Amino acid sequence: MVLKLVLDDEIEQKFREKAMRTFGFSKGFLKEAGETAIADWIVLDTEELPKLENPVKAMRGIFRHLKKKYTSVELQHETLKLWVKEK
């Protein structure tokens, strides 16, 4: 699986330096560092997400405030706005 991330320049630089120091400058060091970082984050974030019986039913009515037709990408952006607002 491929996962592309756009990082702040300073964060990227620090990540690369830490990865080189930890895993050495050999082929695949960034992949190994990224996998380790994500796995560690998953372990640290122990909050369980609720299981939804019917996710479509849970979404029903969530976009009722939208008046015009949206593309799928525009709907993704609207969904993100709703999720960020809830947290």
Protein backbone atom coordinates (compact mmCIF):
# COMPACT_ATOMS: atom_id res chain seq x y z
CA MET A 1 0.00 0.00 0.00
CA VAL A 2 1.20 3.51 -0.74
CA LEU A 3 0.52 6.43 1.57
CA LYS A 4 1.60 9.90 0.49
CA LEU A 5 1.99 12.67 3.05
CA VAL A 6 2.76 16.35 2.63
CA LEU A 7 4.74 17.46 5.66
CA ASP A 8 5.91 20.80 6.91
CA ASP A 9 9.56 21.26 5.84
CA GLU A 10 10.82 21.41 9.42
CA ILE A 11 8.95 18.26 10.45
CA GLU A 12 10.19 16.41 7.37
CA GLN A 13 13.79 17.39 8.07
CA LYS A 14 13.56 16.28 11.71
CA PHE A 15 11.88 13.01 10.68
CA ARG A 16 14.58 12.23 8.12
CA GLU A 17 17.36 13.00 10.59
CA LYS A 18 15.77 10.85 13.30
CA ALA A 19 15.13 8.03 10.81
CA MET A 20 18.75 8.08 9.60
CA ARG A 21 20.11 8.03 13.16
CA THR A 22 17.76 5.23 14.20
CA PHE A 23 17.71 2.97 11.12
CA GLY A 24 20.86 4.01 9.29
CA PHE A 25 21.11 5.38 5.78
CA SER A 26 20.24 2.19 3.95
CA LYS A 27 17.56 1.35 1.42
CA GLY A 28 14.11 1.43 3.02
CA PHE A 29 15.04 3.44 6.12
CA LEU A 30 12.23 5.97 5.56
CA LYS A 31 9.68 3.19 5.03
CA GLU A 32 10.75 1.46 8.23
CA ALA A 33 10.73 4.72 10.20
CA GLY A 34 7.29 5.66 8.85
CA GLU A 35 5.80 2.27 9.67
CA THR A 36 7.28 2.39 13.17
CA ALA A 37 5.98 5.92 13.78
CA ILE A 38 2.45 5.07 12.60
CA ALA A 39 2.36 1.78 14.54
CA ASP A 40 3.51 3.57 17.71
CA TRP A 41 0.86 6.27 17.23
CA ILE A 42 -1.87 3.65 16.80
CA VAL A 43 -0.80 1.93 20.03
CA LEU A 44 -0.76 5.24 21.92
CA ASP A 45 -4.21 6.26 20.66
CA THR A 46 -6.27 3.72 22.59
CA GLU A 47 -9.64 5.45 22.23
CA GLU A 48 -12.04 2.99 20.61
CA LEU A 49 -14.20 4.29 17.79
CA PRO A 50 -17.87 3.38 18.04
CA LYS A 51 -19.04 0.56 15.78
CA LEU A 52 -21.92 1.60 13.54
CA GLU A 53 -24.56 -0.95 12.62
CA ASN A 54 -25.67 1.06 9.59
CA PRO A 55 -23.27 3.87 8.59
CA VAL A 56 -25.61 5.12 5.87
CA LYS A 57 -28.39 5.61 8.42
CA ALA A 58 -25.97 7.50 10.67
CA MET A 59 -25.18 9.92 7.82
CA ARG A 60 -28.80 10.49 6.83
CA GLY A 61 -29.63 14.19 7.09
CA ILE A 62 -26.07 15.28 7.75
CA PHE A 63 -25.89 17.25 4.49
CA ARG A 64 -29.41 18.71 4.57
CA HIS A 65 -27.96 22.24 4.86
CA LEU A 66 -26.38 21.94 1.39
CA LYS A 67 -28.52 23.65 -1.23
CA LYS A 68 -26.65 23.09 -4.52
CA LYS A 69 -25.34 19.95 -6.21
CA TYR A 70 -21.80 19.04 -5.16
CA THR A 71 -19.16 16.84 -6.72
CA SER A 72 -17.84 13.93 -4.68
CA VAL A 73 -14.67 15.90 -3.90
CA GLU A 74 -16.70 18.89 -2.69
CA LEU A 75 -18.74 16.54 -0.46
CA GLN A 76 -15.50 15.16 1.00
CA HIS A 77 -14.46 18.70 1.87
CA GLU A 78 -17.84 19.39 3.50
CA THR A 79 -17.53 16.15 5.50
CA LEU A 80 -14.09 17.18 6.72
CA LYS A 81 -15.49 20.52 7.89
CA LEU A 82 -18.18 18.68 9.90
CA TRP A 83 -15.68 16.29 11.49
CA VAL A 84 -13.30 19.08 12.46
CA LYS A 85 -16.18 21.10 13.94
CA GLU A 86 -17.24 18.14 16.15
CA LYS A 87 -13.81 17.69 17.77
